Amino acid sequence: MTTAAPIEGLLDRIRARDPGLRAFIEVDEGGAREAAAESARRIASGSPRALEGMAVAVKANIDVRGLETSAGLAARRGMVAQADAEAVARLRAAGAAILGTLNMHEAALGADTDNPWFGRAFNPHGQGRTPGGSSGGSGAAVAAGLCAVALGTDTLGSVRIPAAYCGVYGLKPTRGAVSQQGLELVVAEFDTIGPLARTLDELETSFRVLADAQPARPIRHVALLAGLGGVRCEASVLAGYERALAALEAEGLAPQDKLDLEAKPVRLAGFVRASHELAERLAPLLVEKPEGVSDNLKFLLDYGRQRSEAEVAEGEALLARTREAVVAAVGGGALLLPTAPQAAFAQGGRAPANQADFTALASVAGLPALTIPAGTDAEGMPVGVQLVGAPGNELGLIELARRLEPHLGGFIAPPVFEGED
């Protein structure tokens, strides 16, 4: 547990380190101090709550009272939340100190957090590298020690991709497990609020507050995606995946191929859905404040509308088949996959189109998925693997991750850069 003094230390750390990371959009120093003082009183009186004094930061598409819910859009500047989203309210009620809102990919439709309005976010593991997205600020803030836990949102991989790139744990809960109230949606069927943390203890404790967690069910079998779904991966990602396979075998869970599908078309169909739905949600802003939406986002929003009715129908049919296939392959166990096909790449260039090829599968199926750090590449950039579980078995995934952690190494601490303490 933390108290008022550690909160001051975190605020100092944010002031010193965040200018080089651009993880935060707004910092609520006054609110954090008030929460820390209340936590100190409760700890002193012997009546601490579950998250007493835990420092939490929140992705900027989730309502935090008194702060802008920008969703990474200039067009939403000045849209101040009058109340907390239910997820944030649960964290506060459990004793968490909410530090502020975090940078993200514009409108959550992308995975590099190269935001034209709030700054290009960077990965603390490599100067000039992306933290991933769309919850890039969440991954960077947790990895850099600017908060203990961050909330992100996951549509097709937006919690898990930054968790993998930044060397932390990231959980996408089961569809509907965490309330969407107070979240600026992309795709209602896919969107899930989830935590990122450096430790499994912090991840589990925060998830238990965010959701009415079901008891852990033991995972006794693990499936694989045959041929990795045709996705080409960097050597470091394959090495991390092989380490995870060896770890499962060491724990008596030798995986078997059970799921046979091509991953790329699923991701594309999911993106078309996201493009369509978000274009409808942002239509009023596009009319009222077109200058507050970047040309790149406008292009992405048009992508779905440019698909023919036949193409959209074919994509929706593929999503339905994929949902059934992934649920059947997981069964009561789990599915092991790489998280992203590559480690974090340099900001400012063209982002790889295949970032969500693996993560889209759990999103489409509505299943929980947990990203686990699985080593680094030759340049020290983290890679991750993910476990996809049965509905409501988030705690079972965390339990299995605890068994794998000694084999895989856990949280990957970033280097200290010049000018940092």
Protein backbone atom coordinates (compact mmCIF):
# COMPACT_ATOMS: atom_id res chain seq x y z
CA MET A 1 0.00 0.00 0.00
CA THR A 2 1.07 3.59 -0.59
CA THR A 3 0.43 6.75 1.39
CA ALA A 4 0.60 10.50 0.77
CA ALA A 5 4.42 10.62 0.65
CA PRO A 6 4.74 8.02 -2.13
CA ILE A 7 2.07 9.89 -4.11
CA GLU A 8 4.26 12.99 -3.94
CA GLY A 9 7.13 10.89 -5.21
CA LEU A 10 5.02 9.66 -8.12
CA LEU A 11 3.94 13.18 -9.00
CA ASP A 12 7.60 14.23 -9.00
CA ARG A 13 8.41 11.23 -11.19
CA ILE A 14 5.66 12.14 -13.65
CA ARG A 15 6.95 15.73 -13.88
CA ALA A 16 10.48 14.46 -14.50
CA ARG A 17 9.83 11.57 -16.89
CA ASP A 18 6.57 12.16 -18.68
CA PRO A 19 7.82 14.98 -20.96
CA GLY A 20 9.96 12.35 -22.69
CA LEU A 21 7.17 9.74 -22.82
CA ARG A 22 3.99 11.78 -23.27
CA ALA A 23 2.01 9.12 -21.46
CA PHE A 24 -0.28 11.55 -19.63
CA ILE A 25 -2.78 14.04 -21.03
CA GLU A 26 -3.96 15.48 -17.69
CA VAL A 27 -2.61 14.98 -14.17
CA ASP A 28 -4.98 15.59 -11.24
CA GLU A 29 -2.41 16.45 -8.57
CA GLY A 30 -4.97 17.84 -6.12
CA GLY A 31 -7.26 14.85 -6.39
CA ALA A 32 -4.38 12.42 -6.02
CA ARG A 33 -3.16 14.20 -2.88
CA GLU A 34 -6.65 14.17 -1.35
CA ALA A 35 -7.01 10.45 -2.05
CA ALA A 36 -3.56 9.74 -0.61
CA ALA A 37 -4.40 11.67 2.58
CA GLU A 38 -7.63 9.69 2.99
CA SER A 39 -5.70 6.45 2.45
CA ALA A 40 -3.19 7.45 5.11
CA ARG A 41 -6.04 8.05 7.58
CA ARG A 42 -7.65 4.70 6.83
CA ILE A 43 -4.35 2.82 7.10
CA ALA A 44 -3.60 4.51 10.40
CA SER A 45 -7.04 3.59 11.73
CA GLY A 46 -6.61 -0.05 10.70
CA SER A 47 -9.45 -0.03 8.17
CA PRO A 48 -7.80 -0.10 4.72
CA ARG A 49 -9.77 -0.87 1.58
CA ALA A 50 -8.73 -3.35 -1.13
CA LEU A 51 -6.71 -0.85 -3.20
CA GLU A 52 -5.79 1.59 -0.44
CA GLY A 53 -3.30 4.11 -1.81
CA MET A 54 -2.78 2.33 -5.14
CA ALA A 55 -1.87 4.88 -7.82
CA VAL A 56 -4.00 4.39 -10.94
CA ALA A 57 -4.11 6.30 -14.23
CA VAL A 58 -6.93 6.09 -16.76
CA LYS A 59 -7.02 6.06 -20.56
CA ALA A 60 -8.55 9.29 -21.88
CA ASN A 61 -11.63 7.63 -23.40
CA ILE A 62 -12.92 6.66 -19.92
CA ASP A 63 -14.71 9.29 -17.82
CA VAL A 64 -12.77 10.70 -14.85
CA ARG A 65 -14.75 13.36 -13.04
CA GLY A 66 -13.38 16.86 -13.52
CA LEU A 67 -11.10 15.86 -16.42
CA GLU A 68 -11.62 15.87 -20.18
CA THR A 69 -12.77 12.67 -21.84
CA SER A 70 -10.92 13.55 -25.03
CA ALA A 71 -10.67 10.03 -26.48
CA GLY A 72 -7.54 11.42 -28.10
CA LEU A 73 -9.54 13.83 -30.27
CA ALA A 74 -9.05 17.58 -30.50
CA ALA A 75 -12.75 17.79 -31.34
CA ARG A 76 -13.55 16.63 -27.80
CA ARG A 77 -11.46 19.26 -26.01
CA GLY A 78 -13.49 20.87 -23.26
CA MET A 79 -15.76 17.84 -22.80
CA VAL A 80 -15.22 17.48 -19.06
CA ALA A 81 -16.68 14.44 -17.30
CA GLN A 82 -19.17 15.34 -14.58
CA ALA A 83 -18.90 11.91 -12.98
CA ASP A 84 -16.60 8.92 -13.00
CA ALA A 85 -17.18 5.96 -15.28
CA GLU A 86 -18.37 2.99 -13.23
CA ALA A 87 -14.95 1.31 -13.55
CA VAL A 88 -13.22 4.42 -12.18
CA ALA A 89 -15.81 4.82 -9.42
CA ARG A 90 -15.17 1.24 -8.31
CA LEU A 91 -11.43 1.89 -8.11
CA ARG A 92 -11.91 5.09 -6.10
CA ALA A 93 -14.32 3.39 -3.71
CA ALA A 94 -11.69 0.69 -3.11
CA GLY A 95 -9.09 3.30 -2.14
CA ALA A 96 -7.22 3.94 -5.39
CA ALA A 97 -5.71 7.36 -6.03
CA ILE A 98 -6.59 8.43 -9.58
CA LEU A 99 -3.60 10.29 -11.02
CA GLY A 100 -5.11 11.50 -14.28
CA THR A 101 -5.81 10.59 -17.90
CA LEU A 102 -3.50 8.89 -20.35
CA ASN A 103 -2.55 9.47 -23.96
CA MET A 104 -4.00 7.17 -26.59
CA HIS A 105 -4.32 6.63 -30.32
CA GLU A 106 -6.78 9.11 -31.77
CA ALA A 107 -10.34 7.80 -31.16
CA ALA A 108 -8.83 4.40 -30.26
CA LEU A 109 -8.69 3.42 -33.94
CA GLY A 110 -5.05 2.41 -34.24
CA ALA A 111 -2.14 0.89 -32.38
CA ASP A 112 0.83 3.26 -32.18
CA THR A 113 -0.37 6.29 -30.09
CA ASP A 114 1.24 8.73 -32.50
CA ASN A 115 -1.40 11.26 -31.55
CA PRO A 116 -1.53 14.45 -33.67
CA TRP A 117 -3.27 16.46 -30.94
CA PHE A 118 -1.78 15.29 -27.64
CA GLY A 119 1.70 14.28 -28.70
CA ARG A 120 3.58 11.27 -29.97
CA ALA A 121 3.86 8.82 -27.07
CA PHE A 122 7.05 6.80 -26.58
CA ASN A 123 8.02 3.44 -25.13
CA PRO A 124 10.26 3.66 -22.03
CA HIS A 125 12.23 0.65 -23.31
CA GLY A 126 13.56 2.35 -26.42
CA GLN A 127 13.90 6.01 -27.28
CA GLY A 128 11.86 6.73 -30.38
CA ARG A 129 9.87 3.48 -30.19
CA THR A 130 6.08 3.20 -30.02
CA PRO A 131 4.39 2.07 -26.80
CA GLY A 132 1.70 0.48 -28.95
CA GLY A 133 -1.95 1.37 -28.82
CA SER A 134 -4.52 2.35 -28.68
CA SER A 135 -3.79 2.31 -24.91
CA GLY A 136 -0.21 3.42 -25.50
CA GLY A 137 -0.09 5.89 -22.63
CA SER A 138 -1.32 3.14 -20.31
CA GLY A 139 1.48 0.77 -21.30
CA ALA A 140 4.17 3.46 -21.11
CA ALA A 141 3.01 4.83 -17.74
CA VAL A 142 2.95 1.41 -16.07
CA ALA A 143 6.30 0.30 -17.52
CA ALA A 144 7.99 3.57 -16.52
CA GLY A 145 6.67 3.36 -12.95
CA LEU A 146 4.46 6.45 -13.25
CA CYS A 147 1.54 4.50 -11.78
CA ALA A 148 0.96 1.05 -10.32
CA VAL A 149 -2.00 0.18 -12.54
CA ALA A 150 -3.47 1.79 -15.64
CA LEU A 151 -6.85 1.30 -17.24
CA GLY A 152 -6.87 0.72 -20.96
CA THR A 153 -9.54 -0.30 -23.42
CA ASP A 154 -9.40 -3.18 -25.84
CA THR A 155 -11.36 -3.34 -29.10
CA LEU A 156 -9.15 -5.63 -31.20
CA GLY A 157 -6.06 -5.71 -28.98
CA SER A 158 -5.59 -2.25 -27.54
CA VAL A 159 -4.75 -3.37 -23.98
CA ARG A 160 -2.67 -6.38 -24.94
CA ILE A 161 -0.52 -4.85 -27.70
CA PRO A 162 0.88 -2.01 -25.53
CA ALA A 163 1.31 -4.43 -22.63
CA ALA A 164 3.45 -6.66 -24.86
CA TYR A 165 5.48 -3.79 -26.35
CA CYS A 166 6.12 -2.29 -22.89
CA GLY A 167 6.94 -5.53 -21.03
CA VAL A 168 3.99 -5.51 -18.61
CA TYR A 169 0.90 -7.62 -17.96
CA GLY A 170 -2.36 -6.67 -19.67
CA LEU A 171 -5.81 -8.21 -19.21
CA LYS A 172 -8.73 -8.03 -21.61
CA PRO A 173 -11.68 -9.31 -19.55
CA THR A 174 -14.61 -11.33 -20.83
CA ARG A 175 -17.12 -9.33 -22.83
CA GLY A 176 -19.45 -7.63 -20.33
CA ALA A 177 -17.40 -8.43 -17.22
CA VAL A 178 -16.46 -4.76 -16.71
CA SER A 179 -19.09 -2.05 -17.15
CA GLN A 180 -18.86 0.09 -20.30
CA GLN A 181 -20.69 2.96 -18.58
CA GLY A 182 -18.66 6.13 -19.08
CA LEU A 183 -16.58 4.70 -21.95
CA GLU A 184 -16.43 6.33 -25.37
CA LEU A 185 -17.14 3.27 -27.48
CA VAL A 186 -15.67 2.09 -30.76
CA VAL A 187 -17.49 -1.25 -31.14
CA ALA A 188 -19.94 -2.03 -28.35
CA GLU A 189 -19.67 -5.78 -28.97
CA PHE A 190 -15.86 -5.82 -28.73
CA ASP A 191 -14.89 -2.96 -26.38
CA THR A 192 -13.64 -3.94 -22.95
CA ILE A 193 -12.00 -1.93 -20.16
CA GLY A 194 -9.02 -3.78 -18.69
CA PRO A 195 -6.04 -3.21 -16.38
CA LEU A 196 -2.30 -3.14 -17.13
CA ALA A 197 0.21 -3.72 -14.32
CA ARG A 198 3.80 -4.71 -13.62
CA THR A 199 2.79 -7.58 -11.32
CA LEU A 200 0.14 -10.26 -11.40
CA ASP A 201 -0.84 -9.36 -7.82
CA GLU A 202 -1.66 -5.78 -8.84
CA LEU A 203 -3.43 -6.99 -11.96
CA GLU A 204 -5.57 -9.46 -10.02
CA THR A 205 -6.40 -7.10 -7.18
CA SER A 206 -7.52 -4.35 -9.54
CA PHE A 207 -9.54 -6.75 -11.69
CA ARG A 208 -11.38 -8.08 -8.63
CA VAL A 209 -12.48 -4.50 -7.94
CA LEU A 210 -13.41 -3.73 -11.55
CA ALA A 211 -15.56 -6.85 -11.99
CA ASP A 212 -17.55 -9.35 -9.99
CA ALA A 213 -14.89 -11.96 -10.65
CA GLN A 214 -15.82 -15.61 -10.90
CA PRO A 215 -13.70 -18.15 -8.98
CA ALA A 216 -10.67 -19.47 -10.85
CA ARG A 217 -11.27 -22.67 -12.78
CA PRO A 218 -8.12 -24.78 -13.27
CA ILE A 219 -6.79 -24.84 -16.85
CA ARG A 220 -5.89 -28.40 -17.76
CA HIS A 221 -5.39 -28.15 -21.51
CA VAL A 222 -3.96 -25.54 -23.88
CA ALA A 223 -4.67 -25.28 -27.61
CA LEU A 224 -2.56 -23.67 -30.33
CA LEU A 225 -3.33 -21.86 -33.56
CA ALA A 226 -2.17 -24.14 -36.36
CA GLY A 227 0.70 -22.57 -38.30
CA LEU A 228 0.14 -19.37 -36.29
CA GLY A 229 -2.71 -18.57 -38.64
CA GLY A 230 -0.36 -17.72 -41.48
CA VAL A 231 1.01 -14.66 -39.63
CA ARG A 232 4.70 -13.87 -40.18
CA CYS A 233 6.44 -13.08 -36.91
CA GLU A 234 9.80 -11.60 -35.97
CA ALA A 235 12.37 -14.10 -34.70
CA SER A 236 12.22 -12.64 -31.19
CA VAL A 237 8.46 -13.15 -31.05
CA LEU A 238 8.83 -16.76 -32.16
CA ALA A 239 11.53 -17.26 -29.52
CA GLY A 240 9.20 -15.90 -26.81
CA TYR A 241 6.42 -18.15 -28.07
CA GLU A 242 8.75 -21.16 -27.94
CA ARG A 243 9.72 -20.24 -24.37
CA ALA A 244 6.05 -20.21 -23.46
CA LEU A 245 5.51 -23.59 -25.10
CA ALA A 246 8.43 -25.03 -23.12
CA ALA A 247 7.07 -23.48 -19.92
CA LEU A 248 3.67 -25.08 -20.48
CA GLU A 249 5.29 -28.44 -21.11
CA ALA A 250 7.35 -28.06 -17.92
CA GLU A 251 4.08 -27.47 -16.07
CA GLY A 252 2.53 -30.62 -17.55
CA LEU A 253 0.40 -28.82 -20.13
CA ALA A 254 1.80 -29.92 -23.49
CA PRO A 255 -0.26 -27.92 -26.04
CA GLN A 256 -1.93 -29.36 -29.12
CA ASP A 257 -3.06 -27.74 -32.40
CA LYS A 258 -6.83 -27.36 -32.28
CA LEU A 259 -7.66 -24.10 -34.03
CA ASP A 260 -7.19 -23.86 -37.79
CA LEU A 261 -7.94 -20.49 -39.37
CA GLU A 262 -6.24 -17.64 -41.20
CA ALA A 263 -5.83 -14.69 -38.84
CA LYS A 264 -5.49 -11.73 -41.22
CA PRO A 265 -9.02 -11.85 -42.73
CA VAL A 266 -10.49 -11.94 -39.21
CA ARG A 267 -8.57 -8.83 -38.22
CA LEU A 268 -9.64 -7.07 -41.43
CA ALA A 269 -13.30 -7.95 -40.87
CA GLY A 270 -13.05 -6.69 -37.30
CA PHE A 271 -11.49 -3.44 -38.49
CA VAL A 272 -14.28 -2.91 -41.03
CA ARG A 273 -16.79 -3.31 -38.19
CA ALA A 274 -14.82 -0.83 -36.07
CA SER A 275 -14.56 1.67 -38.92
CA HIS A 276 -18.30 1.51 -39.61
CA GLU A 277 -19.43 1.84 -35.99
CA LEU A 278 -16.98 4.57 -35.04
CA ALA A 279 -17.89 6.59 -38.14
CA GLU A 280 -21.50 6.55 -36.97
CA ARG A 281 -20.57 7.55 -33.42
CA LEU A 282 -18.34 10.42 -34.58
CA ALA A 283 -20.70 11.69 -37.28
CA PRO A 284 -21.91 14.69 -35.21
CA LEU A 285 -18.33 15.75 -34.37
CA LEU A 286 -17.31 15.41 -38.01
CA VAL A 287 -20.05 17.90 -38.89
CA GLU A 288 -19.58 20.28 -35.95
CA LYS A 289 -15.78 20.23 -35.56
CA PRO A 290 -14.18 18.66 -38.66
CA GLU A 291 -10.93 20.52 -37.96
CA GLY A 292 -10.63 18.58 -34.69
CA VAL A 293 -10.41 15.20 -36.46
CA SER A 294 -7.20 14.35 -38.30
CA ASP A 295 -7.14 13.53 -42.00
CA ASN A 296 -5.71 10.11 -41.17
CA LEU A 297 -8.65 9.28 -38.90
CA LYS A 298 -11.10 10.52 -41.52
CA PHE A 299 -9.45 8.15 -44.00
CA LEU A 300 -9.80 5.23 -41.58
CA LEU A 301 -13.44 6.07 -40.90
CA ASP A 302 -14.12 6.06 -44.64
CA TYR A 303 -12.50 2.64 -45.01
CA GLY A 304 -15.54 0.76 -43.73
CA ARG A 305 -18.01 2.86 -45.70
CA GLN A 306 -16.15 2.08 -48.90
CA ARG A 307 -16.75 -1.67 -48.53
CA SER A 308 -19.61 -3.08 -50.59
CA GLU A 309 -22.64 -4.66 -48.92
CA ALA A 310 -21.41 -8.03 -50.08
CA GLU A 311 -17.96 -7.48 -48.57
CA VAL A 312 -19.46 -6.38 -45.25
CA ALA A 313 -21.81 -9.36 -45.16
CA GLU A 314 -18.94 -11.74 -45.93
CA GLY A 315 -16.88 -10.18 -43.15
CA GLU A 316 -19.71 -10.48 -40.64
CA ALA A 317 -20.16 -14.14 -41.54
CA LEU A 318 -16.43 -14.69 -41.01
CA LEU A 319 -16.59 -13.04 -37.59
CA ALA A 320 -19.46 -15.33 -36.59
CA ARG A 321 -17.58 -18.45 -37.73
CA THR A 322 -14.44 -17.29 -35.97
CA ARG A 323 -16.32 -16.70 -32.73
CA GLU A 324 -17.61 -20.27 -32.77
CA ALA A 325 -14.23 -21.74 -33.72
CA VAL A 326 -12.24 -19.90 -31.04
CA VAL A 327 -14.75 -20.69 -28.29
CA ALA A 328 -14.70 -24.36 -29.29
CA ALA A 329 -10.89 -24.50 -29.39
CA VAL A 330 -10.55 -22.91 -25.96
CA GLY A 331 -13.26 -25.05 -24.38
CA GLY A 332 -12.66 -25.04 -20.65
CA GLY A 333 -8.92 -24.51 -21.12
CA ALA A 334 -6.85 -21.88 -22.91
CA LEU A 335 -5.35 -20.91 -26.25
CA LEU A 336 -1.72 -19.79 -26.46
CA LEU A 337 -0.74 -17.16 -29.04
CA PRO A 338 1.92 -14.52 -29.53
CA THR A 339 0.48 -11.14 -28.61
CA ALA A 340 1.83 -9.13 -31.56
CA PRO A 341 3.90 -10.36 -34.52
CA GLN A 342 6.71 -7.91 -33.74
CA ALA A 343 8.35 -5.93 -30.96
CA ALA A 344 7.81 -2.17 -30.72
CA PHE A 345 8.79 -0.31 -33.88
CA ALA A 346 10.03 3.24 -34.43
CA GLN A 347 7.47 6.03 -34.10
CA GLY A 348 6.82 8.25 -37.07
CA GLY A 349 6.74 5.67 -39.83
CA ARG A 350 4.05 3.42 -41.23
CA ALA A 351 2.71 1.10 -38.53
CA PRO A 352 2.59 -2.62 -39.38
CA ALA A 353 -0.91 -3.57 -40.51
CA ASN A 354 -0.72 -6.96 -38.79
CA GLN A 355 -0.41 -5.76 -35.18
CA ALA A 356 -3.83 -7.11 -34.18
CA ASP A 357 -3.78 -10.35 -36.20
CA PHE A 358 -3.49 -12.44 -33.03
CA THR A 359 -5.30 -10.24 -30.53
CA ALA A 360 -8.42 -9.86 -32.69
CA LEU A 361 -9.35 -13.51 -32.11
CA ALA A 362 -10.22 -13.14 -28.42
CA SER A 363 -12.01 -9.86 -29.09
CA VAL A 364 -14.23 -11.39 -31.75
CA ALA A 365 -14.95 -14.37 -29.50
CA GLY A 366 -15.66 -12.20 -26.45
CA LEU A 367 -13.21 -14.23 -24.35
CA PRO A 368 -10.75 -13.08 -21.67
CA ALA A 369 -7.11 -12.79 -22.72
CA LEU A 370 -3.98 -12.09 -20.69
CA THR A 371 -0.71 -10.83 -22.14
CA ILE A 372 2.44 -12.11 -20.39
CA PRO A 373 5.97 -10.72 -20.90
CA ALA A 374 8.09 -13.34 -22.67
CA GLY A 375 11.58 -11.87 -23.07
CA THR A 376 13.19 -9.30 -25.34
CA ASP A 377 14.68 -8.98 -28.80
CA ALA A 378 18.35 -8.28 -29.52
CA GLU A 379 17.78 -4.55 -28.89
CA GLY A 380 16.13 -5.09 -25.52
CA MET A 381 12.57 -4.48 -26.72
CA PRO A 382 9.98 -6.68 -24.96
CA VAL A 383 7.84 -9.33 -26.61
CA GLY A 384 4.77 -10.98 -25.19
CA VAL A 385 2.54 -14.01 -25.44
CA GLN A 386 -1.14 -14.21 -24.60
CA LEU A 387 -3.41 -16.79 -23.05
CA VAL A 388 -7.05 -16.76 -24.17
CA GLY A 389 -9.40 -18.39 -21.68
CA ALA A 390 -12.96 -19.57 -21.21
CA PRO A 391 -15.69 -17.01 -20.44
CA GLY A 392 -15.37 -15.66 -16.91
CA ASN A 393 -12.10 -17.41 -16.19
CA GLU A 394 -9.84 -14.38 -15.86
CA LEU A 395 -8.60 -15.62 -12.49
CA GLY A 396 -7.80 -19.01 -14.02
CA LEU A 397 -5.64 -17.26 -16.62
CA ILE A 398 -3.86 -15.31 -13.88
CA GLU A 399 -3.34 -18.51 -11.91
CA LEU A 400 -1.74 -20.18 -14.94
CA ALA A 401 0.37 -17.09 -15.60
CA ARG A 402 1.76 -17.37 -12.06
CA ARG A 403 2.95 -20.86 -12.91
CA LEU A 404 4.59 -19.66 -16.13
CA GLU A 405 6.18 -16.52 -14.67
CA PRO A 406 9.27 -18.27 -13.22
CA HIS A 407 9.97 -19.70 -16.70
CA LEU A 408 9.33 -16.48 -18.64
CA GLY A 409 10.71 -13.87 -16.27
CA GLY A 410 7.73 -11.56 -15.66
CA PHE A 411 7.81 -7.76 -15.88
CA ILE A 412 10.64 -6.35 -17.97
CA ALA A 413 12.07 -3.21 -16.40
CA PRO A 414 12.99 -0.45 -18.86
CA PRO A 415 16.45 1.10 -18.89
CA VAL A 416 17.14 4.44 -17.29
CA PHE A 417 17.62 7.05 -19.99
CA GLU A 418 19.96 10.00 -19.93
CA GLY A 419 18.49 12.74 -17.76
CA GLU A 420 16.37 10.37 -15.70
CA ASP A 421 17.13 9.44 -12.12
